[in-house]
Amino acid sequence: MTARVPAAVVRAAIALAGAPAHAAQRLSARSRTAVYRAGLADGRSVVITLYAATARRNAITESAAIRAVADHVSVPAVIGYGHVPGHEATALVTADLGTLTLGGAARSGQISDERALKDLAGLLGRLHRAPVQSWAPRRAFFEQVTSLGRRCPPSVLDRIAPALAAITDAVDTTTPVWCHGDLHGDNVVLAGHRAGHRSVRHLVDFTDATAGPRESDVAQTLVMTDAVRSPLRARTVTDAYPLTLDHHLLAAWTVFHTTRCWAHSSPGDDRAIWADRLDELSRRTPHLFCIRRPERTHR
């Protein structure tokens, strides 16, 4: 860890964990959140997620989501959450489970790619069995479409209109489950990992957790692990997933999440990659697409 500790991390550690931080390492940074691993003066190592003022409620909702699903899937212990004194930010402090992730173990060959995909599917199944409380955050699908529409031309939404219609038609008949919203190998921490012993898989990063259709969450994992590009790898996930899936709805959500990734990608090579993935999906599931395709970014 670095000895230079951001002021917000110092104050969050004191206020929410009861001890000053003497070192911190930034793990990730997004537009509204930043995540640090911090060493505290009392010897503990914790993970501190800072939320910008525009995401003020996320510390509360993320901590509540972690507690709500803890009886069904392994998650980090919540140490504290709330306002950071002297800052507009709020923070969530959780126990540090270590540095080895399922994604890292797969990339290094410690775990096979097939095993990692099956583990993700099993974790999703356990998470989706957790009861959804009335206070659970929900995001209406029309809001997601509206948000997507702000980032792409109308022709893109026109192209995936059949997929959007399939999702909309299922809204009133789909029972919501707890959705992680961003489950991939690097959001699973392997705790207690050692040779000859199976480590415990812990879900982390519940920033995007909401109540929603299970097909949306499974589709997000297919997209973020790139399993969607290989029918064999995709079946590895869906066959290992223990609950019933509507495969037509799953395909529609896969189209939607891929389009969202295209819309958020950087112009150039990154966007071209996502455009190619949309083209692949349109060939496999033509009933979920219209003829028009998103415009490519010229280089």
Protein backbone atom coordinates (compact mmCIF):
# COMPACT_ATOMS: atom_id res chain seq x y z
CA MET A 1 0.00 0.00 0.00
CA THR A 2 1.04 3.59 -0.49
CA ALA A 3 1.73 5.83 2.52
CA ARG A 4 -0.16 8.70 0.93
CA VAL A 5 -3.75 8.39 2.12
CA PRO A 6 -6.50 10.62 0.65
CA ALA A 7 -8.19 12.82 3.22
CA ALA A 8 -11.61 11.29 2.55
CA VAL A 9 -10.20 7.81 3.22
CA VAL A 10 -8.60 8.98 6.48
CA ARG A 11 -11.83 10.53 7.73
CA ALA A 12 -13.99 7.62 6.58
CA ALA A 13 -11.74 5.16 8.41
CA ILE A 14 -11.87 7.11 11.66
CA ALA A 15 -15.61 7.84 11.54
CA LEU A 16 -16.86 4.48 10.26
CA ALA A 17 -14.20 1.94 11.28
CA GLY A 18 -13.01 3.58 14.48
CA ALA A 19 -9.31 3.73 13.59
CA PRO A 20 -7.12 5.97 11.40
CA ALA A 21 -5.78 4.67 8.09
CA HIS A 22 -2.00 4.70 7.75
CA ALA A 23 -1.88 3.40 4.16
CA ALA A 24 -4.22 3.08 1.19
CA GLN A 25 -4.21 1.63 -2.31
CA ARG A 26 -6.78 2.66 -4.89
CA LEU A 27 -8.42 -0.40 -6.42
CA SER A 28 -10.80 1.27 -8.87
CA ALA A 29 -12.30 4.60 -9.82
CA ARG A 30 -15.54 5.37 -11.67
CA SER A 31 -17.45 8.55 -12.33
CA ARG A 32 -19.27 8.36 -9.00
CA THR A 33 -17.25 5.91 -6.88
CA ALA A 34 -13.68 5.19 -5.84
CA VAL A 35 -12.57 2.04 -4.00
CA TYR A 36 -9.52 1.78 -1.72
CA ARG A 37 -7.86 -0.99 0.27
CA ALA A 38 -6.77 0.66 3.52
CA GLY A 39 -4.52 -0.49 6.33
CA LEU A 40 -5.74 0.74 9.71
CA ALA A 41 -3.63 1.66 12.70
CA ASP A 42 -5.14 -1.19 14.73
CA GLY A 43 -3.86 -3.77 12.24
CA ARG A 44 -7.05 -4.37 10.27
CA SER A 45 -7.21 -4.20 6.49
CA VAL A 46 -10.48 -2.89 5.09
CA VAL A 47 -12.01 -1.89 1.77
CA ILE A 48 -13.46 1.63 1.65
CA THR A 49 -15.84 2.63 -1.12
CA LEU A 50 -16.33 6.38 -1.49
CA TYR A 51 -19.47 7.69 -3.19
CA ALA A 52 -19.74 11.15 -4.72
CA ALA A 53 -22.49 13.52 -3.64
CA THR A 54 -24.52 12.48 -6.69
CA ALA A 55 -24.58 8.91 -5.32
CA ARG A 56 -25.21 9.87 -1.71
CA ARG A 57 -27.67 7.05 -0.97
CA ASN A 58 -25.53 4.28 -2.44
CA ALA A 59 -23.59 3.64 0.77
CA ILE A 60 -26.88 2.91 2.52
CA THR A 61 -28.42 0.83 -0.27
CA GLU A 62 -25.25 -1.18 -0.94
CA SER A 63 -24.76 -2.02 2.73
CA ALA A 64 -28.43 -3.00 2.99
CA ALA A 65 -28.17 -5.22 -0.10
CA ILE A 66 -25.10 -7.00 1.29
CA ARG A 67 -26.91 -7.73 4.54
CA ALA A 68 -30.09 -8.80 2.74
CA VAL A 69 -28.35 -11.57 0.77
CA ALA A 70 -25.78 -12.66 3.36
CA ASP A 71 -27.76 -15.77 4.38
CA HIS A 72 -27.68 -17.09 0.81
CA VAL A 73 -24.25 -16.16 -0.56
CA SER A 74 -20.89 -15.28 0.99
CA VAL A 75 -20.25 -11.53 1.14
CA PRO A 76 -17.78 -9.27 2.99
CA ALA A 77 -18.73 -8.17 6.48
CA VAL A 78 -20.03 -4.58 6.68
CA ILE A 79 -17.99 -2.59 9.22
CA GLY A 80 -19.64 0.81 8.79
CA TYR A 81 -21.34 3.17 6.36
CA GLY A 82 -22.51 6.76 6.27
CA HIS A 83 -21.41 10.35 5.74
CA VAL A 84 -17.71 11.20 5.66
CA PRO A 85 -17.13 14.14 8.07
CA GLY A 86 -15.87 17.23 6.31
CA HIS A 87 -16.72 15.88 2.84
CA GLU A 88 -19.75 15.67 0.62
CA ALA A 89 -18.97 12.00 0.07
CA THR A 90 -20.50 9.00 1.80
CA ALA A 91 -18.61 5.75 2.35
CA LEU A 92 -19.04 2.03 2.90
CA VAL A 93 -16.37 0.14 4.86
CA THR A 94 -16.17 -3.65 4.55
CA ALA A 95 -13.75 -6.32 5.67
CA ASP A 96 -10.84 -6.97 3.30
CA LEU A 97 -11.06 -10.55 2.01
CA GLY A 98 -7.73 -10.51 0.19
CA THR A 99 -6.43 -9.88 -3.30
CA LEU A 100 -7.11 -13.13 -5.16
CA THR A 101 -10.19 -13.00 -7.37
CA LEU A 102 -11.89 -15.73 -9.37
CA GLY A 103 -10.93 -13.84 -12.54
CA GLY A 104 -7.31 -13.61 -11.47
CA ALA A 105 -7.20 -17.31 -10.58
CA ALA A 106 -8.63 -18.20 -14.01
CA ARG A 107 -6.16 -15.95 -15.86
CA SER A 108 -3.22 -17.48 -14.00
CA GLY A 109 -4.38 -21.05 -14.63
CA GLN A 110 -5.13 -21.86 -10.99
CA ILE A 111 -8.77 -22.42 -11.96
CA SER A 112 -10.03 -23.50 -15.37
CA ASP A 113 -12.18 -21.13 -17.39
CA GLU A 114 -15.00 -23.70 -17.33
CA ARG A 115 -14.81 -23.96 -13.53
CA ALA A 116 -14.88 -20.18 -13.17
CA LEU A 117 -17.99 -19.87 -15.37
CA LYS A 118 -19.74 -22.62 -13.40
CA ASP A 119 -18.83 -20.89 -10.14
CA LEU A 120 -20.34 -17.63 -11.40
CA ALA A 121 -23.53 -19.42 -12.40
CA GLY A 122 -23.79 -21.09 -9.02
CA LEU A 123 -23.24 -17.82 -7.19
CA LEU A 124 -25.95 -16.15 -9.28
CA GLY A 125 -28.35 -18.96 -8.42
CA ARG A 126 -27.71 -18.60 -4.69
CA LEU A 127 -28.00 -14.82 -4.87
CA HIS A 128 -31.27 -15.03 -6.79
CA ARG A 129 -32.80 -17.20 -4.04
CA ALA A 130 -32.44 -14.41 -1.49
CA PRO A 131 -35.82 -12.84 -0.62
CA VAL A 132 -36.43 -9.39 -2.07
CA GLN A 133 -37.61 -6.86 0.50
CA SER A 134 -40.08 -4.08 -0.24
CA TRP A 135 -37.37 -1.45 0.19
CA ALA A 136 -35.04 -3.07 -2.37
CA PRO A 137 -34.01 -0.53 -5.04
CA ARG A 138 -35.64 -1.02 -8.42
CA ARG A 139 -34.92 0.59 -11.75
CA ALA A 140 -37.76 0.66 -14.24
CA PHE A 141 -36.81 -0.64 -17.67
CA PHE A 142 -38.04 2.50 -19.41
CA GLU A 143 -35.52 4.47 -17.34
CA GLN A 144 -32.73 2.17 -18.56
CA VAL A 145 -33.85 2.63 -22.16
CA THR A 146 -34.05 6.40 -21.68
CA SER A 147 -30.54 6.45 -20.25
CA LEU A 148 -29.27 4.38 -23.18
CA GLY A 149 -31.03 6.70 -25.62
CA ARG A 150 -29.04 9.65 -24.29
CA ARG A 151 -25.80 7.95 -25.36
CA CYS A 152 -26.65 6.69 -28.82
CA PRO A 153 -28.55 7.74 -31.95
CA PRO A 154 -32.19 6.66 -32.41
CA SER A 155 -31.13 4.22 -35.14
CA VAL A 156 -29.48 2.03 -32.48
CA LEU A 157 -32.67 1.70 -30.45
CA ASP A 158 -34.61 1.14 -33.66
CA ARG A 159 -32.31 -1.73 -34.53
CA ILE A 160 -32.91 -3.58 -31.24
CA ALA A 161 -36.61 -2.69 -31.00
CA PRO A 162 -37.73 -6.36 -30.99
CA ALA A 163 -35.43 -7.08 -28.02
CA LEU A 164 -36.74 -4.04 -26.16
CA ALA A 165 -40.31 -5.17 -26.85
CA ALA A 166 -39.60 -8.67 -25.53
CA ILE A 167 -38.26 -7.24 -22.26
CA THR A 168 -41.13 -4.78 -21.92
CA ASP A 169 -43.73 -7.51 -22.52
CA ALA A 170 -42.27 -9.57 -19.67
CA VAL A 171 -42.15 -6.78 -17.07
CA ASP A 172 -45.51 -7.60 -15.46
CA THR A 173 -44.96 -11.36 -15.42
CA THR A 174 -41.38 -11.51 -14.11
CA THR A 175 -40.79 -12.09 -10.40
CA PRO A 176 -37.91 -9.86 -9.26
CA VAL A 177 -34.80 -11.28 -7.60
CA TRP A 178 -31.76 -9.64 -6.06
CA CYS A 179 -29.53 -8.82 -9.05
CA HIS A 180 -25.85 -8.10 -8.51
CA GLY A 181 -25.75 -6.07 -11.72
CA ASP A 182 -22.06 -6.59 -12.54
CA LEU A 183 -21.03 -10.15 -11.71
CA HIS A 184 -17.84 -11.32 -13.38
CA GLY A 185 -14.68 -13.00 -12.18
CA ASP A 186 -13.06 -9.92 -10.69
CA ASN A 187 -16.09 -9.27 -8.48
CA VAL A 188 -15.65 -12.63 -6.76
CA VAL A 189 -12.92 -12.78 -4.09
CA LEU A 190 -11.43 -16.15 -3.11
CA ALA A 191 -10.88 -16.15 0.64
CA GLY A 192 -8.83 -18.82 2.40
CA HIS A 193 -7.26 -20.00 -0.86
CA ARG A 194 -4.49 -22.58 -0.48
CA ALA A 195 -3.31 -25.64 -2.35
CA GLY A 196 -5.58 -28.65 -1.98
CA HIS A 197 -8.43 -26.65 -0.47
CA ARG A 198 -11.40 -25.00 -2.15
CA SER A 199 -11.56 -21.37 -1.12
CA VAL A 200 -14.82 -19.61 -0.31
CA ARG A 201 -16.25 -17.52 -3.15
CA HIS A 202 -17.39 -14.10 -1.90
CA LEU A 203 -19.44 -11.67 -3.97
CA VAL A 204 -18.18 -8.08 -3.75
CA ASP A 205 -19.09 -4.70 -5.27
CA PHE A 206 -22.86 -4.39 -4.82
CA THR A 207 -22.88 -0.84 -6.19
CA ASP A 208 -25.33 -1.80 -8.95
CA ALA A 209 -27.46 -4.21 -6.90
CA THR A 210 -31.20 -3.89 -7.56
CA ALA A 211 -34.31 -6.01 -7.65
CA GLY A 212 -34.94 -7.17 -11.21
CA PRO A 213 -35.39 -10.15 -13.54
CA ARG A 214 -32.92 -12.99 -13.13
CA GLU A 215 -32.46 -13.12 -16.91
CA SER A 216 -31.01 -9.61 -16.82
CA ASP A 217 -28.38 -10.60 -14.26
CA VAL A 218 -27.41 -13.81 -16.05
CA ALA A 219 -27.22 -11.94 -19.38
CA GLN A 220 -24.97 -9.30 -17.82
CA THR A 221 -22.57 -12.02 -16.69
CA LEU A 222 -22.61 -13.63 -20.15
CA VAL A 223 -21.71 -10.27 -21.68
CA MET A 224 -19.09 -9.18 -19.13
CA THR A 225 -17.27 -12.54 -19.19
CA ASP A 226 -17.44 -12.63 -23.00
CA ALA A 227 -19.13 -16.03 -22.71
CA VAL A 228 -21.82 -14.78 -25.05
CA ARG A 229 -19.42 -15.01 -28.01
CA SER A 230 -19.11 -18.79 -27.63
CA PRO A 231 -22.27 -20.92 -27.58
CA LEU A 232 -20.34 -23.58 -25.63
CA ARG A 233 -19.19 -21.13 -22.93
CA ALA A 234 -22.66 -19.58 -22.75
CA ARG A 235 -24.19 -23.02 -22.23
CA THR A 236 -21.64 -23.70 -19.50
CA VAL A 237 -23.15 -20.78 -17.58
CA THR A 238 -26.82 -21.47 -18.31
CA ASP A 239 -26.51 -25.23 -17.69
CA ALA A 240 -24.82 -24.59 -14.32
CA TYR A 241 -27.36 -21.95 -13.31
CA PRO A 242 -29.73 -23.79 -10.94
CA LEU A 243 -32.97 -21.84 -11.51
CA THR A 244 -35.38 -21.74 -14.43
CA LEU A 245 -34.59 -19.28 -17.21
CA ASP A 246 -36.74 -17.85 -19.98
CA HIS A 247 -34.20 -18.20 -22.79
CA HIS A 248 -36.02 -15.82 -25.14
CA LEU A 249 -35.94 -13.15 -22.43
CA LEU A 250 -32.32 -14.02 -21.64
CA ALA A 251 -31.39 -13.44 -25.28
CA ALA A 252 -33.24 -10.11 -25.31
CA TRP A 253 -31.39 -8.91 -22.20
CA THR A 254 -28.10 -10.05 -23.74
CA VAL A 255 -28.81 -7.84 -26.75
CA PHE A 256 -29.69 -4.91 -24.46
CA HIS A 257 -26.57 -5.22 -22.28
CA THR A 258 -24.31 -5.60 -25.32
CA THR A 259 -25.84 -2.46 -26.83
CA ARG A 260 -25.29 -0.62 -23.56
CA CYS A 261 -21.63 -1.66 -23.57
CA TRP A 262 -21.37 -0.42 -27.18
CA ALA A 263 -22.90 2.93 -26.16
CA HIS A 264 -20.46 3.37 -23.25
CA SER A 265 -17.38 2.26 -25.19
CA SER A 266 -14.74 4.64 -26.48
CA PRO A 267 -14.82 5.56 -30.18
CA GLY A 268 -12.30 3.57 -32.17
CA ASP A 269 -11.15 0.00 -31.61
CA ASP A 270 -13.19 -0.52 -28.42
CA ARG A 271 -16.45 0.53 -30.06
CA ALA A 272 -15.67 -1.55 -33.15
CA ILE A 273 -15.30 -4.63 -30.94
CA TRP A 274 -18.74 -4.10 -29.39
CA ALA A 275 -20.26 -3.38 -32.81
CA ASP A 276 -18.90 -6.73 -34.01
CA ARG A 277 -20.44 -8.45 -31.00
CA LEU A 278 -23.80 -6.91 -31.82
CA ASP A 279 -23.42 -8.17 -35.38
CA GLU A 280 -22.73 -11.69 -34.05
CA LEU A 281 -25.87 -11.53 -31.90
CA SER A 282 -27.94 -10.32 -34.82
CA ARG A 283 -26.85 -13.36 -36.84
CA ARG A 284 -27.67 -15.77 -34.00
CA THR A 285 -30.93 -14.14 -32.90
CA PRO A 286 -32.25 -12.24 -35.94
CA HIS A 287 -35.75 -12.15 -34.43
CA LEU A 288 -34.48 -9.68 -31.81
CA PHE A 289 -33.14 -7.19 -34.37
CA CYS A 290 -34.44 -4.96 -37.11
CA ILE A 291 -32.45 -4.50 -40.29
CA ARG A 292 -30.69 -1.29 -39.31
CA ARG A 293 -27.38 -1.47 -37.44
CA PRO A 294 -25.46 1.02 -35.26
CA GLU A 295 -23.18 3.36 -37.14
CA ARG A 296 -19.53 2.51 -36.90
CA THR A 297 -17.05 5.11 -35.76
CA HIS A 298 -14.59 5.89 -38.53
CA ARG A 299 -10.93 5.99 -37.62
